[in-house]
Amino acid sequence: MKMLNLFIVSDSIGETGELVAKAAVSQFRPGLQHTKLKRFTHIDSLDHIKEITELAKEQNAIILYTLVQTNMRDALLEYCKAYELDSVDLIGPVINLLESNLDEKPFEEPGLVRKLDEDYFKKIEAIEFAVKYDDGRDPRGLLQADIVLIGVSRTSKTPLSQYLAHKRYKVANVPLVPEVEPPEELFLVDPAKCFGLVITPEKLNSIRKERLIAIGLNDDASYARIERINEEITHFEKVVKKIGCTVIDVTNRAVEETANLVINHIQQK
């Protein structure tokens, strides 16, 4: 059986090119017997292109390439013609087709798809983290979090946690109530990444009344009374003073606005 020699040339890790090569070769020789497949990865200069094509000439290799930069593709094609090498551009025609249909210029940045995948998985990880460590369920998460949110009930801790998680921040939040001592881990958190969420008693009174009505309860329960709310806010103020963290008034702010304040503060620090 004739020996097949394939060079996979890529400006990233060459995974796409290798998968295509194996898929094609498997139609002729399952198991890739009598096939030599070599990856040339992170190719970023014309000198590399020249060296690879010279080697391919010596070894009578076929070149399959995934290069996103036009000048690199053009150079490889010219060398292949000069050395009479068989080659296949696996990504250039698709990029050209999309450029024509979208009427946009491609970024021509190697490895973008891998970066997008990593970004996606970081987001999923952050979302799962926010769910796991929501509402003080497990104080161990406080020391692993990028951001810690504290506040009395109904100060948007959970929706803010989820919004920040979509920005790839790992967020834990803890509700503060006078009858329950905050977890010890809270006082070990770096104050720079801890944020107290405060709201006016009047606004909180209105929100809590609406909440009680929504779940079918009487709106004059202790939970919604101004006296109880003031007691909780006093307790909140004692805790944030002890921690030394930043306090954000969320009274008339949308979750997105509060999130921007938190992110700006984190980035400045």
C-alpha atoms as a PDB file:
ATOM      1  CA  MET A   1       0.000   0.000   0.000  1.00  0.00           C
ATOM      2  CA  LYS A   2       1.296   3.458  -0.943  1.00  0.00           C
ATOM      3  CA  MET A   3       2.586   5.576   1.946  1.00  0.00           C
ATOM      4  CA  LEU A   4       0.611   8.792   2.448  1.00  0.00           C
ATOM      5  CA  ASN A   5       2.421  11.769   3.950  1.00  0.00           C
ATOM      6  CA  LEU A   6       0.252  14.655   5.208  1.00  0.00           C
ATOM      7  CA  PHE A   7       1.416  17.958   6.667  1.00  0.00           C
ATOM      8  CA  ILE A   8      -1.161  19.897   8.711  1.00  0.00           C
ATOM      9  CA  VAL A   9      -0.196  23.578   8.806  1.00  0.00           C
ATOM     10  CA  SER A  10      -1.997  25.927  11.202  1.00  0.00           C
ATOM     11  CA  ASP A  11      -1.596  29.321  12.825  1.00  0.00           C
ATOM     12  CA  SER A  12      -3.305  27.849  15.918  1.00  0.00           C
ATOM     13  CA  ILE A  13      -3.094  24.307  17.304  1.00  0.00           C
ATOM     14  CA  GLY A  14      -4.052  22.524  14.068  1.00  0.00           C
ATOM     15  CA  GLU A  15      -6.915  20.560  15.581  1.00  0.00           C
ATOM     16  CA  THR A  16      -9.375  21.396  12.797  1.00  0.00           C
ATOM     17  CA  GLY A  17      -6.970  20.436  10.039  1.00  0.00           C
ATOM     18  CA  GLU A  18      -6.094  17.145  11.689  1.00  0.00           C
ATOM     19  CA  LEU A  19      -9.767  16.218  12.174  1.00  0.00           C
ATOM     20  CA  VAL A  20     -10.508  16.892   8.504  1.00  0.00           C
ATOM     21  CA  ALA A  21      -7.438  14.937   7.421  1.00  0.00           C
ATOM     22  CA  LYS A  22      -8.351  11.909   9.544  1.00  0.00           C
ATOM     23  CA  ALA A  23     -11.962  12.012   8.372  1.00  0.00           C
ATOM     24  CA  ALA A  24     -10.841  11.984   4.729  1.00  0.00           C
ATOM     25  CA  VAL A  25      -8.111   9.355   5.156  1.00  0.00           C
ATOM     26  CA  SER A  26     -10.489   7.031   7.014  1.00  0.00           C
ATOM     27  CA  GLN A  27     -12.452   6.644   3.775  1.00  0.00           C
ATOM     28  CA  PHE A  28      -9.412   4.904   2.254  1.00  0.00           C
ATOM     29  CA  ARG A  29      -7.554   3.291   5.115  1.00  0.00           C
ATOM     30  CA  PRO A  30      -9.370   2.962   8.468  1.00  0.00           C
ATOM     31  CA  GLY A  31      -6.945   3.127  11.375  1.00  0.00           C
ATOM     32  CA  LEU A  32      -4.586   5.399   9.391  1.00  0.00           C
ATOM     33  CA  GLN A  33      -2.251   2.544   8.529  1.00  0.00           C
ATOM     34  CA  HIS A  34       0.508   3.553   6.138  1.00  0.00           C
ATOM     35  CA  THR A  35      -0.203   7.227   6.820  1.00  0.00           C
ATOM     36  CA  LYS A  36       2.188   9.780   8.279  1.00  0.00           C
ATOM     37  CA  LEU A  37       0.450  12.830   9.673  1.00  0.00           C
ATOM     38  CA  LYS A  38       2.488  15.729  11.056  1.00  0.00           C
ATOM     39  CA  ARG A  39       1.168  18.941  12.599  1.00  0.00           C
ATOM     40  CA  PHE A  40       2.946  22.279  12.214  1.00  0.00           C
ATOM     41  CA  THR A  41       1.289  24.573  14.753  1.00  0.00           C
ATOM     42  CA  HIS A  42       1.325  28.292  15.576  1.00  0.00           C
ATOM     43  CA  ILE A  43       2.873  29.167  12.234  1.00  0.00           C
ATOM     44  CA  ASP A  44       3.215  32.943  12.260  1.00  0.00           C
ATOM     45  CA  SER A  45       5.952  33.910   9.810  1.00  0.00           C
ATOM     46  CA  LEU A  46       6.743  33.574   6.110  1.00  0.00           C
ATOM     47  CA  ASP A  47      10.059  31.948   7.003  1.00  0.00           C
ATOM     48  CA  HIS A  48       8.131  29.120   8.699  1.00  0.00           C
ATOM     49  CA  ILE A  49       6.022  28.699   5.566  1.00  0.00           C
ATOM     50  CA  LYS A  50       9.131  28.440   3.388  1.00  0.00           C
ATOM     51  CA  GLU A  51      10.798  25.882   5.681  1.00  0.00           C
ATOM     52  CA  ILE A  52       7.674  23.702   5.827  1.00  0.00           C
ATOM     53  CA  THR A  53       7.201  23.670   2.052  1.00  0.00           C
ATOM     54  CA  GLU A  54      10.876  22.798   1.533  1.00  0.00           C
ATOM     55  CA  LEU A  55      10.472  19.875   3.940  1.00  0.00           C
ATOM     56  CA  ALA A  56       7.258  18.828   2.226  1.00  0.00           C
ATOM     57  CA  LYS A  57       9.136  18.772  -1.092  1.00  0.00           C
ATOM     58  CA  GLU A  58      11.808  16.512   0.400  1.00  0.00           C
ATOM     59  CA  GLN A  59       9.239  14.136   1.895  1.00  0.00           C
ATOM     60  CA  ASN A  60       6.725  14.260  -0.962  1.00  0.00           C
ATOM     61  CA  ALA A  61       3.990  15.433   1.424  1.00  0.00           C
ATOM     62  CA  ILE A  62       0.514  16.824   0.794  1.00  0.00           C
ATOM     63  CA  ILE A  63      -0.178  20.032   2.717  1.00  0.00           C
ATOM     64  CA  LEU A  64      -3.536  20.770   4.357  1.00  0.00           C
ATOM     65  CA  TYR A  65      -3.681  24.185   5.941  1.00  0.00           C
ATOM     66  CA  THR A  66      -5.872  26.337   8.169  1.00  0.00           C
ATOM     67  CA  LEU A  67      -4.383  29.817   8.077  1.00  0.00           C
ATOM     68  CA  VAL A  68      -6.683  32.767   8.736  1.00  0.00           C
ATOM     69  CA  GLN A  69      -4.334  35.507   7.530  1.00  0.00           C
ATOM     70  CA  THR A  70      -4.593  36.187   3.802  1.00  0.00           C
ATOM     71  CA  ASN A  71      -0.881  36.931   3.327  1.00  0.00           C
ATOM     72  CA  MET A  72       0.093  33.625   4.954  1.00  0.00           C
ATOM     73  CA  ARG A  73      -2.326  31.643   2.777  1.00  0.00           C
ATOM     74  CA  ASP A  74      -1.100  33.401  -0.356  1.00  0.00           C
ATOM     75  CA  ALA A  75       2.538  32.746   0.535  1.00  0.00           C
ATOM     76  CA  LEU A  76       1.922  29.054   1.214  1.00  0.00           C
ATOM     77  CA  LEU A  77       0.053  28.677  -2.070  1.00  0.00           C
ATOM     78  CA  GLU A  78       2.896  30.338  -4.005  1.00  0.00           C
ATOM     79  CA  TYR A  79       5.534  28.070  -2.435  1.00  0.00           C
ATOM     80  CA  CYS A  80       3.390  25.012  -3.136  1.00  0.00           C
ATOM     81  CA  LYS A  81       3.146  26.024  -6.801  1.00  0.00           C
ATOM     82  CA  ALA A  82       6.886  26.675  -6.964  1.00  0.00           C
ATOM     83  CA  TYR A  83       7.718  23.280  -5.450  1.00  0.00           C
ATOM     84  CA  GLU A  84       4.895  21.504  -7.323  1.00  0.00           C
ATOM     85  CA  LEU A  85       3.247  20.400  -4.070  1.00  0.00           C
ATOM     86  CA  ASP A  86      -0.370  19.313  -3.683  1.00  0.00           C
ATOM     87  CA  SER A  87      -2.169  21.428  -1.089  1.00  0.00           C
ATOM     88  CA  VAL A  88      -5.672  22.148   0.189  1.00  0.00           C
ATOM     89  CA  ASP A  89      -6.809  25.373   1.845  1.00  0.00           C
ATOM     90  CA  LEU A  90      -9.355  24.171   4.420  1.00  0.00           C
ATOM     91  CA  ILE A  91     -10.541  27.534   5.733  1.00  0.00           C
ATOM     92  CA  GLY A  92      -9.705  30.277   3.199  1.00  0.00           C
ATOM     93  CA  PRO A  93     -12.613  29.574   0.787  1.00  0.00           C
ATOM     94  CA  VAL A  94     -15.106  29.604   3.673  1.00  0.00           C
ATOM     95  CA  ILE A  95     -13.722  32.897   5.023  1.00  0.00           C
ATOM     96  CA  ASN A  96     -13.867  34.424   1.536  1.00  0.00           C
ATOM     97  CA  LEU A  97     -17.444  33.250   1.058  1.00  0.00           C
ATOM     98  CA  LEU A  98     -18.548  34.701   4.413  1.00  0.00           C
ATOM     99  CA  GLU A  99     -16.718  37.960   3.722  1.00  0.00           C
ATOM    100  CA  SER A 100     -18.603  38.294   0.444  1.00  0.00           C
ATOM    101  CA  ASN A 101     -21.996  37.443   1.948  1.00  0.00           C
ATOM    102  CA  LEU A 102     -21.611  39.515   5.110  1.00  0.00           C
ATOM    103  CA  ASP A 103     -19.822  42.414   3.429  1.00  0.00           C
ATOM    104  CA  GLU A 104     -17.458  42.484   6.408  1.00  0.00           C
ATOM    105  CA  LYS A 105     -13.717  42.084   6.782  1.00  0.00           C
ATOM    106  CA  PRO A 106     -12.530  39.074   8.805  1.00  0.00           C
ATOM    107  CA  PHE A 107     -10.480  39.645  11.952  1.00  0.00           C
ATOM    108  CA  GLU A 108      -7.688  37.364  10.666  1.00  0.00           C
ATOM    109  CA  GLU A 109      -6.770  36.559  14.257  1.00  0.00           C
ATOM    110  CA  PRO A 110      -5.500  32.987  14.841  1.00  0.00           C
ATOM    111  CA  GLY A 111      -7.125  30.849  17.547  1.00  0.00           C
ATOM    112  CA  LEU A 112     -10.302  32.915  17.915  1.00  0.00           C
ATOM    113  CA  VAL A 113     -12.615  29.900  17.982  1.00  0.00           C
ATOM    114  CA  ARG A 114     -10.628  28.443  20.860  1.00  0.00           C
ATOM    115  CA  LYS A 115     -10.806  31.726  22.745  1.00  0.00           C
ATOM    116  CA  LEU A 116     -14.571  31.817  22.228  1.00  0.00           C
ATOM    117  CA  ASP A 117     -14.888  28.268  23.570  1.00  0.00           C
ATOM    118  CA  GLU A 118     -12.827  29.141  26.653  1.00  0.00           C
ATOM    119  CA  ASP A 119     -14.914  32.257  27.202  1.00  0.00           C
ATOM    120  CA  TYR A 120     -18.119  30.223  26.987  1.00  0.00           C
ATOM    121  CA  PHE A 121     -16.955  27.639  29.515  1.00  0.00           C
ATOM    122  CA  LYS A 122     -15.787  30.362  31.909  1.00  0.00           C
ATOM    123  CA  LYS A 123     -19.268  31.872  31.752  1.00  0.00           C
ATOM    124  CA  ILE A 124     -20.940  28.512  32.438  1.00  0.00           C
ATOM    125  CA  GLU A 125     -18.591  27.899  35.357  1.00  0.00           C
ATOM    126  CA  ALA A 126     -19.389  31.336  36.821  1.00  0.00           C
ATOM    127  CA  ILE A 127     -23.155  30.794  36.456  1.00  0.00           C
ATOM    128  CA  GLU A 128     -22.947  27.417  38.189  1.00  0.00           C
ATOM    129  CA  PHE A 129     -20.861  28.999  40.947  1.00  0.00           C
ATOM    130  CA  ALA A 130     -23.444  31.751  41.503  1.00  0.00           C
ATOM    131  CA  VAL A 131     -26.236  29.180  41.804  1.00  0.00           C
ATOM    132  CA  LYS A 132     -24.260  26.977  44.181  1.00  0.00           C
ATOM    133  CA  TYR A 133     -23.284  29.826  46.502  1.00  0.00           C
ATOM    134  CA  ASP A 134     -26.486  31.842  46.313  1.00  0.00           C
ATOM    135  CA  ASP A 135     -28.183  33.106  49.478  1.00  0.00           C
ATOM    136  CA  GLY A 136     -25.392  31.979  51.818  1.00  0.00           C
ATOM    137  CA  ARG A 137     -25.965  28.266  51.121  1.00  0.00           C
ATOM    138  CA  ASP A 138     -22.321  27.329  51.545  1.00  0.00           C
ATOM    139  CA  PRO A 139     -20.000  29.880  53.190  1.00  0.00           C
ATOM    140  CA  ARG A 140     -16.945  28.070  51.813  1.00  0.00           C
ATOM    141  CA  GLY A 141     -17.688  29.701  48.474  1.00  0.00           C
ATOM    142  CA  LEU A 142     -17.015  33.146  49.916  1.00  0.00           C
ATOM    143  CA  LEU A 143     -13.258  32.574  49.895  1.00  0.00           C
ATOM    144  CA  GLN A 144     -13.330  31.258  46.315  1.00  0.00           C
ATOM    145  CA  ALA A 145     -15.470  34.068  44.896  1.00  0.00           C
ATOM    146  CA  ASP A 146     -14.309  36.961  42.739  1.00  0.00           C
ATOM    147  CA  ILE A 147     -17.119  39.078  44.198  1.00  0.00           C
ATOM    148  CA  VAL A 148     -19.109  38.770  47.419  1.00  0.00           C
ATOM    149  CA  LEU A 149     -22.460  40.522  47.841  1.00  0.00           C
ATOM    150  CA  ILE A 150     -24.161  41.105  51.178  1.00  0.00           C
ATOM    151  CA  GLY A 151     -27.418  42.786  52.099  1.00  0.00           C
ATOM    152  CA  VAL A 152     -30.807  42.388  53.704  1.00  0.00           C
ATOM    153  CA  SER A 153     -33.567  40.455  51.952  1.00  0.00           C
ATOM    154  CA  ARG A 154     -34.913  41.892  48.640  1.00  0.00           C
ATOM    155  CA  THR A 155     -31.885  44.005  47.706  1.00  0.00           C
ATOM    156  CA  SER A 156     -31.401  42.171  44.379  1.00  0.00           C
ATOM    157  CA  LYS A 157     -28.466  40.031  45.517  1.00  0.00           C
ATOM    158  CA  THR A 158     -29.478  37.003  43.450  1.00  0.00           C
ATOM    159  CA  PRO A 159     -30.271  38.757  40.130  1.00  0.00           C
ATOM    160  CA  LEU A 160     -27.092  40.829  40.515  1.00  0.00           C
ATOM    161  CA  SER A 161     -25.086  37.646  41.147  1.00  0.00           C
ATOM    162  CA  GLN A 162     -26.468  36.080  37.974  1.00  0.00           C
ATOM    163  CA  TYR A 163     -25.850  39.206  35.904  1.00  0.00           C
ATOM    164  CA  LEU A 164     -22.222  39.361  37.068  1.00  0.00           C
ATOM    165  CA  ALA A 165     -21.853  35.621  36.432  1.00  0.00           C
ATOM    166  CA  HIS A 166     -22.757  36.240  32.789  1.00  0.00           C
ATOM    167  CA  LYS A 167     -19.804  38.629  32.785  1.00  0.00           C
ATOM    168  CA  ARG A 168     -17.691  35.639  33.953  1.00  0.00           C
ATOM    169  CA  TYR A 169     -17.311  36.699  37.596  1.00  0.00           C
ATOM    170  CA  LYS A 170     -17.704  34.057  40.293  1.00  0.00           C
ATOM    171  CA  VAL A 171     -20.143  35.590  42.775  1.00  0.00           C
ATOM    172  CA  ALA A 172     -21.349  34.472  46.201  1.00  0.00           C
ATOM    173  CA  ASN A 173     -23.981  36.338  48.206  1.00  0.00           C
ATOM    174  CA  VAL A 174     -25.031  36.316  51.835  1.00  0.00           C
ATOM    175  CA  PRO A 175     -28.315  37.597  53.324  1.00  0.00           C
ATOM    176  CA  LEU A 176     -27.958  39.519  56.579  1.00  0.00           C
ATOM    177  CA  VAL A 177     -30.546  39.144  59.342  1.00  0.00           C
ATOM    178  CA  PRO A 178     -30.143  40.289  62.975  1.00  0.00           C
ATOM    179  CA  GLU A 179     -31.011  36.877  64.424  1.00  0.00           C
ATOM    180  CA  VAL A 180     -28.283  35.014  62.516  1.00  0.00           C
ATOM    181  CA  GLU A 181     -24.555  35.653  62.890  1.00  0.00           C
ATOM    182  CA  PRO A 182     -22.803  36.081  59.527  1.00  0.00           C
ATOM    183  CA  PRO A 183     -20.499  33.174  58.606  1.00  0.00           C
ATOM    184  CA  GLU A 184     -16.927  33.503  59.858  1.00  0.00           C
ATOM    185  CA  GLU A 185     -15.647  33.246  56.273  1.00  0.00           C
ATOM    186  CA  LEU A 186     -17.285  36.584  55.468  1.00  0.00           C
ATOM    187  CA  PHE A 187     -14.818  38.403  57.689  1.00  0.00           C
ATOM    188  CA  LEU A 188     -11.884  36.680  55.997  1.00  0.00           C
ATOM    189  CA  VAL A 189     -12.868  37.963  52.552  1.00  0.00           C
ATOM    190  CA  ASP A 190     -10.776  40.721  50.992  1.00  0.00           C
ATOM    191  CA  PRO A 191     -12.872  43.897  51.581  1.00  0.00           C
ATOM    192  CA  ALA A 192     -11.995  45.073  48.062  1.00  0.00           C
ATOM    193  CA  LYS A 193     -14.112  42.315  46.538  1.00  0.00           C
ATOM    194  CA  CYS A 194     -17.008  42.559  49.008  1.00  0.00           C
ATOM    195  CA  PHE A 195     -19.994  44.837  48.354  1.00  0.00           C
ATOM    196  CA  GLY A 196     -22.843  45.742  50.656  1.00  0.00           C
ATOM    197  CA  LEU A 197     -26.171  46.494  48.985  1.00  0.00           C
ATOM    198  CA  VAL A 198     -28.346  49.010  50.796  1.00  0.00           C
ATOM    199  CA  ILE A 199     -31.795  50.413  50.069  1.00  0.00           C
ATOM    200  CA  THR A 200     -34.031  53.018  51.694  1.00  0.00           C
ATOM    201  CA  PRO A 201     -36.506  51.654  54.270  1.00  0.00           C
ATOM    202  CA  GLU A 202     -39.444  53.136  52.349  1.00  0.00           C
ATOM    203  CA  LYS A 203     -38.489  51.462  49.083  1.00  0.00           C
ATOM    204  CA  LEU A 204     -37.786  48.143  50.811  1.00  0.00           C
ATOM    205  CA  ASN A 205     -41.119  48.376  52.607  1.00  0.00           C
ATOM    206  CA  SER A 206     -42.893  48.732  49.257  1.00  0.00           C
ATOM    207  CA  ILE A 207     -40.942  45.859  47.648  1.00  0.00           C
ATOM    208  CA  ARG A 208     -41.582  43.506  50.552  1.00  0.00           C
ATOM    209  CA  LYS A 209     -45.288  44.290  50.640  1.00  0.00           C
ATOM    210  CA  GLU A 210     -45.539  43.460  46.943  1.00  0.00           C
ATOM    211  CA  ARG A 211     -43.636  40.250  47.550  1.00  0.00           C
ATOM    212  CA  LEU A 212     -45.980  39.168  50.350  1.00  0.00           C
ATOM    213  CA  ILE A 213     -49.041  39.866  48.231  1.00  0.00           C
ATOM    214  CA  ALA A 214     -47.498  37.941  45.298  1.00  0.00           C
ATOM    215  CA  ILE A 215     -47.126  34.798  47.408  1.00  0.00           C
ATOM    216  CA  GLY A 216     -50.622  35.167  48.899  1.00  0.00           C
ATOM    217  CA  LEU A 217     -49.749  36.525  52.339  1.00  0.00           C
ATOM    218  CA  ASN A 218     -50.940  39.555  54.290  1.00  0.00           C
ATOM    219  CA  ASP A 219     -48.836  42.630  53.524  1.00  0.00           C
ATOM    220  CA  ASP A 220     -48.731  43.784  57.151  1.00  0.00           C
ATOM    221  CA  ALA A 221     -46.503  40.896  58.275  1.00  0.00           C
ATOM    222  CA  SER A 222     -43.434  41.738  60.366  1.00  0.00           C
ATOM    223  CA  TYR A 223     -41.199  41.124  57.338  1.00  0.00           C
ATOM    224  CA  ALA A 224     -42.558  44.251  55.630  1.00  0.00           C
ATOM    225  CA  ARG A 225     -42.893  46.582  58.608  1.00  0.00           C
ATOM    226  CA  ILE A 226     -40.709  49.687  58.754  1.00  0.00           C
ATOM    227  CA  GLU A 227     -39.599  48.910  62.331  1.00  0.00           C
ATOM    228  CA  ARG A 228     -38.315  45.492  61.268  1.00  0.00           C
ATOM    229  CA  ILE A 229     -36.643  46.906  58.178  1.00  0.00           C
ATOM    230  CA  ASN A 230     -34.827  49.580  60.206  1.00  0.00           C
ATOM    231  CA  GLU A 231     -33.611  46.882  62.582  1.00  0.00           C
ATOM    232  CA  GLU A 232     -32.213  44.859  59.667  1.00  0.00           C
ATOM    233  CA  ILE A 233     -30.513  47.878  58.101  1.00  0.00           C
ATOM    234  CA  THR A 234     -28.897  48.775  61.433  1.00  0.00           C
ATOM    235  CA  HIS A 235     -27.533  45.223  61.623  1.00  0.00           C
ATOM    236  CA  PHE A 236     -26.353  45.477  58.007  1.00  0.00           C
ATOM    237  CA  GLU A 237     -24.462  48.701  58.765  1.00  0.00           C
ATOM    238  CA  LYS A 238     -22.659  47.079  61.695  1.00  0.00           C
ATOM    239  CA  VAL A 239     -21.532  44.161  59.536  1.00  0.00           C
ATOM    240  CA  VAL A 240     -20.278  46.245  56.603  1.00  0.00           C
ATOM    241  CA  LYS A 241     -18.423  48.547  59.005  1.00  0.00           C
ATOM    242  CA  LYS A 242     -16.684  45.541  60.540  1.00  0.00           C
ATOM    243  CA  ILE A 243     -15.733  44.204  57.090  1.00  0.00           C
ATOM    244  CA  GLY A 244     -14.772  47.609  55.691  1.00  0.00           C
ATOM    245  CA  CYS A 245     -16.366  46.921  52.320  1.00  0.00           C
ATOM    246  CA  THR A 246     -17.879  49.236  49.714  1.00  0.00           C
ATOM    247  CA  VAL A 247     -21.592  50.010  50.098  1.00  0.00           C
ATOM    248  CA  ILE A 248     -23.803  50.623  47.060  1.00  0.00           C
ATOM    249  CA  ASP A 249     -27.251  52.184  47.303  1.00  0.00           C
ATOM    250  CA  VAL A 250     -29.510  50.140  45.010  1.00  0.00           C
ATOM    251  CA  THR A 251     -32.711  52.081  45.792  1.00  0.00           C
ATOM    252  CA  ASN A 252     -33.314  53.480  42.325  1.00  0.00           C
ATOM    253  CA  ARG A 253     -30.761  51.500  40.337  1.00  0.00           C
ATOM    254  CA  ALA A 254     -31.355  48.779  37.784  1.00  0.00           C
ATOM    255  CA  VAL A 255     -29.340  45.589  38.209  1.00  0.00           C
ATOM    256  CA  GLU A 256     -27.239  46.532  35.183  1.00  0.00           C
ATOM    257  CA  GLU A 257     -26.282  49.879  36.746  1.00  0.00           C
ATOM    258  CA  THR A 258     -25.265  48.272  40.018  1.00  0.00           C
ATOM    259  CA  ALA A 259     -23.275  45.634  38.149  1.00  0.00           C
ATOM    260  CA  ASN A 260     -21.341  48.315  36.267  1.00  0.00           C
ATOM    261  CA  LEU A 261     -20.451  50.024  39.539  1.00  0.00           C
ATOM    262  CA  VAL A 262     -19.206  46.733  40.985  1.00  0.00           C
ATOM    263  CA  ILE A 263     -17.190  45.851  37.873  1.00  0.00           C
ATOM    264  CA  ASN A 264     -15.621  49.317  37.646  1.00  0.00           C
ATOM    265  CA  HIS A 265     -14.617  49.137  41.291  1.00  0.00           C
ATOM    266  CA  ILE A 266     -13.097  45.660  40.856  1.00  0.00           C
ATOM    267  CA  GLN A 267     -11.167  46.705  37.756  1.00  0.00           C
ATOM    268  CA  GLN A 268      -9.803  49.835  39.426  1.00  0.00           C
ATOM    269  CA  LYS A 269      -8.583  47.812  42.360  1.00  0.00           C
END
